[in-house]
C-alpha atoms as a PDB file:
ATOM      1  CA  UNK A   1     -16.703  95.822 -80.205  1.00  0.00           C
ATOM      2  CA  UNK A   2     -18.961  98.571 -79.095  1.00  0.00           C
ATOM      3  CA  UNK A   3     -22.697  98.508 -80.115  1.00  0.00           C
ATOM      4  CA  UNK A   4     -24.470 101.716 -79.763  1.00  0.00           C
ATOM      5  CA  UNK A   5     -28.058 102.910 -79.955  1.00  0.00           C
ATOM      6  CA  UNK A   6     -27.877 105.459 -82.731  1.00  0.00           C
ATOM      7  CA  UNK A   7     -31.363 106.791 -81.890  1.00  0.00           C
ATOM      8  CA  UNK A   8     -30.262 107.803 -78.325  1.00  0.00           C
ATOM      9  CA  UNK A   9     -26.728 109.045 -79.170  1.00  0.00           C
ATOM     10  CA  UNK A  10     -26.350 109.829 -82.961  1.00  0.00           C
ATOM     11  CA  UNK A  11     -23.386 112.271 -82.343  1.00  0.00           C
ATOM     12  CA  UNK A  12     -21.426 109.569 -80.380  1.00  0.00           C
ATOM     13  CA  UNK A  13     -22.031 107.098 -83.358  1.00  0.00           C
ATOM     14  CA  UNK A  14     -20.780 109.644 -85.924  1.00  0.00           C
ATOM     15  CA  UNK A  15     -17.581 110.192 -83.822  1.00  0.00           C
ATOM     16  CA  UNK A  16     -17.136 106.573 -83.229  1.00  0.00           C
ATOM     17  CA  UNK A  17     -17.359 105.900 -86.941  1.00  0.00           C
ATOM     18  CA  UNK A  18     -14.779 108.560 -87.638  1.00  0.00           C
ATOM     19  CA  UNK A  19     -12.447 107.088 -85.112  1.00  0.00           C
ATOM     20  CA  UNK A  20     -12.604 103.540 -86.462  1.00  0.00           C
ATOM     21  CA  UNK A  21      -9.866 104.063 -88.929  1.00  0.00           C
ATOM     22  CA  UNK A  22      -7.481 105.725 -86.524  1.00  0.00           C
ATOM     23  CA  UNK A  23      -4.767 104.057 -84.476  1.00  0.00           C
ATOM     24  CA  UNK A  24      -5.579 103.377 -80.820  1.00  0.00           C
ATOM     25  CA  UNK A  25      -4.034 101.412 -78.009  1.00  0.00           C
ATOM     26  CA  UNK A  26      -6.896  98.975 -78.038  1.00  0.00           C
ATOM     27  CA  UNK A  27      -6.169  95.341 -78.708  1.00  0.00           C
ATOM     28  CA  UNK A  28      -7.071  93.652 -81.987  1.00  0.00           C
ATOM     29  CA  UNK A  29     -10.117  91.528 -82.179  1.00  0.00           C
ATOM     30  CA  UNK A  30     -10.382  88.682 -84.692  1.00  0.00           C
ATOM     31  CA  UNK A  31     -13.644  87.672 -86.123  1.00  0.00           C
ATOM     32  CA  UNK A  32     -14.888  84.735 -88.091  1.00  0.00           C
ATOM     33  CA  UNK A  33     -18.056  84.617 -90.170  1.00  0.00           C
ATOM     34  CA  UNK A  34     -20.263  81.741 -91.199  1.00  0.00           C
ATOM     35  CA  UNK A  35     -23.011  82.559 -93.741  1.00  0.00           C
ATOM     36  CA  UNK A  36     -26.024  80.617 -95.015  1.00  0.00           C
ATOM     37  CA  UNK A  37     -27.645  81.941 -98.186  1.00  0.00           C
ATOM     38  CA  UNK A  38     -30.820  80.988 -99.984  1.00  0.00           C
ATOM     39  CA  UNK A  39     -32.127  81.999-103.320  1.00  0.00           C
ATOM     40  CA  UNK A  40     -35.566  83.524-103.338  1.00  0.00           C
ATOM     41  CA  UNK A  41     -36.273  82.441-106.932  1.00  0.00           C
ATOM     42  CA  UNK A  42     -36.557  78.757-105.872  1.00  0.00           C
ATOM     43  CA  UNK A  43     -39.497  79.361-103.502  1.00  0.00           C
ATOM     44  CA  UNK A  44     -42.114  82.122-103.277  1.00  0.00           C
ATOM     45  CA  UNK A  45     -42.759  82.185 -99.411  1.00  0.00           C
ATOM     46  CA  UNK A  46     -40.406  84.380 -97.392  1.00  0.00           C
ATOM     47  CA  UNK A  47     -40.599  82.022 -94.480  1.00  0.00           C
ATOM     48  CA  UNK A  48     -39.432  79.163 -96.697  1.00  0.00           C
ATOM     49  CA  UNK A  49     -36.390  81.228 -97.956  1.00  0.00           C
ATOM     50  CA  UNK A  50     -35.583  81.957 -94.337  1.00  0.00           C
ATOM     51  CA  UNK A  51     -35.788  78.342 -93.363  1.00  0.00           C
ATOM     52  CA  UNK A  52     -33.383  77.349 -96.209  1.00  0.00           C
ATOM     53  CA  UNK A  53     -30.997  80.137 -95.270  1.00  0.00           C
ATOM     54  CA  UNK A  54     -31.049  78.962 -91.648  1.00  0.00           C
ATOM     55  CA  UNK A  55     -30.480  75.417 -92.649  1.00  0.00           C
ATOM     56  CA  UNK A  56     -27.575  76.473 -94.852  1.00  0.00           C
ATOM     57  CA  UNK A  57     -26.148  78.585 -91.999  1.00  0.00           C
ATOM     58  CA  UNK A  58     -26.157  75.681 -89.526  1.00  0.00           C
ATOM     59  CA  UNK A  59     -24.420  73.578 -92.235  1.00  0.00           C
ATOM     60  CA  UNK A  60     -21.713  76.248 -92.605  1.00  0.00           C
ATOM     61  CA  UNK A  61     -21.244  76.308 -88.852  1.00  0.00           C
ATOM     62  CA  UNK A  62     -20.812  72.511 -88.704  1.00  0.00           C
ATOM     63  CA  UNK A  63     -18.074  72.685 -91.354  1.00  0.00           C
ATOM     64  CA  UNK A  64     -16.056  75.112 -89.262  1.00  0.00           C
ATOM     65  CA  UNK A  65     -14.963  78.845 -89.264  1.00  0.00           C
ATOM     66  CA  UNK A  66     -15.257  81.127 -92.144  1.00  0.00           C
ATOM     67  CA  UNK A  67     -17.661  79.046 -94.312  1.00  0.00           C
ATOM     68  CA  UNK A  68     -20.327  79.985 -96.831  1.00  0.00           C
ATOM     69  CA  UNK A  69     -23.092  77.551 -97.636  1.00  0.00           C
ATOM     70  CA  UNK A  70     -25.877  77.990-100.217  1.00  0.00           C
ATOM     71  CA  UNK A  71     -29.165  76.344 -99.781  1.00  0.00           C
ATOM     72  CA  UNK A  72     -30.210  73.667-102.343  1.00  0.00           C
END
């Protein structure tokens, strides 16, 4: 995975985006994702929503790879 600063090299980023779908001789990279989600309707303060989402994220990570946990 290559992360680029699009403000410094916008043309490189555009070319990189075009090349993502093409075949290359690079190796395959597997990615897993754990997600913590919180509903902003249950609390008004943004920091409380973030705290709930963060707690849900760590709960998802504890359960293993490729998990989604919703805050309660």
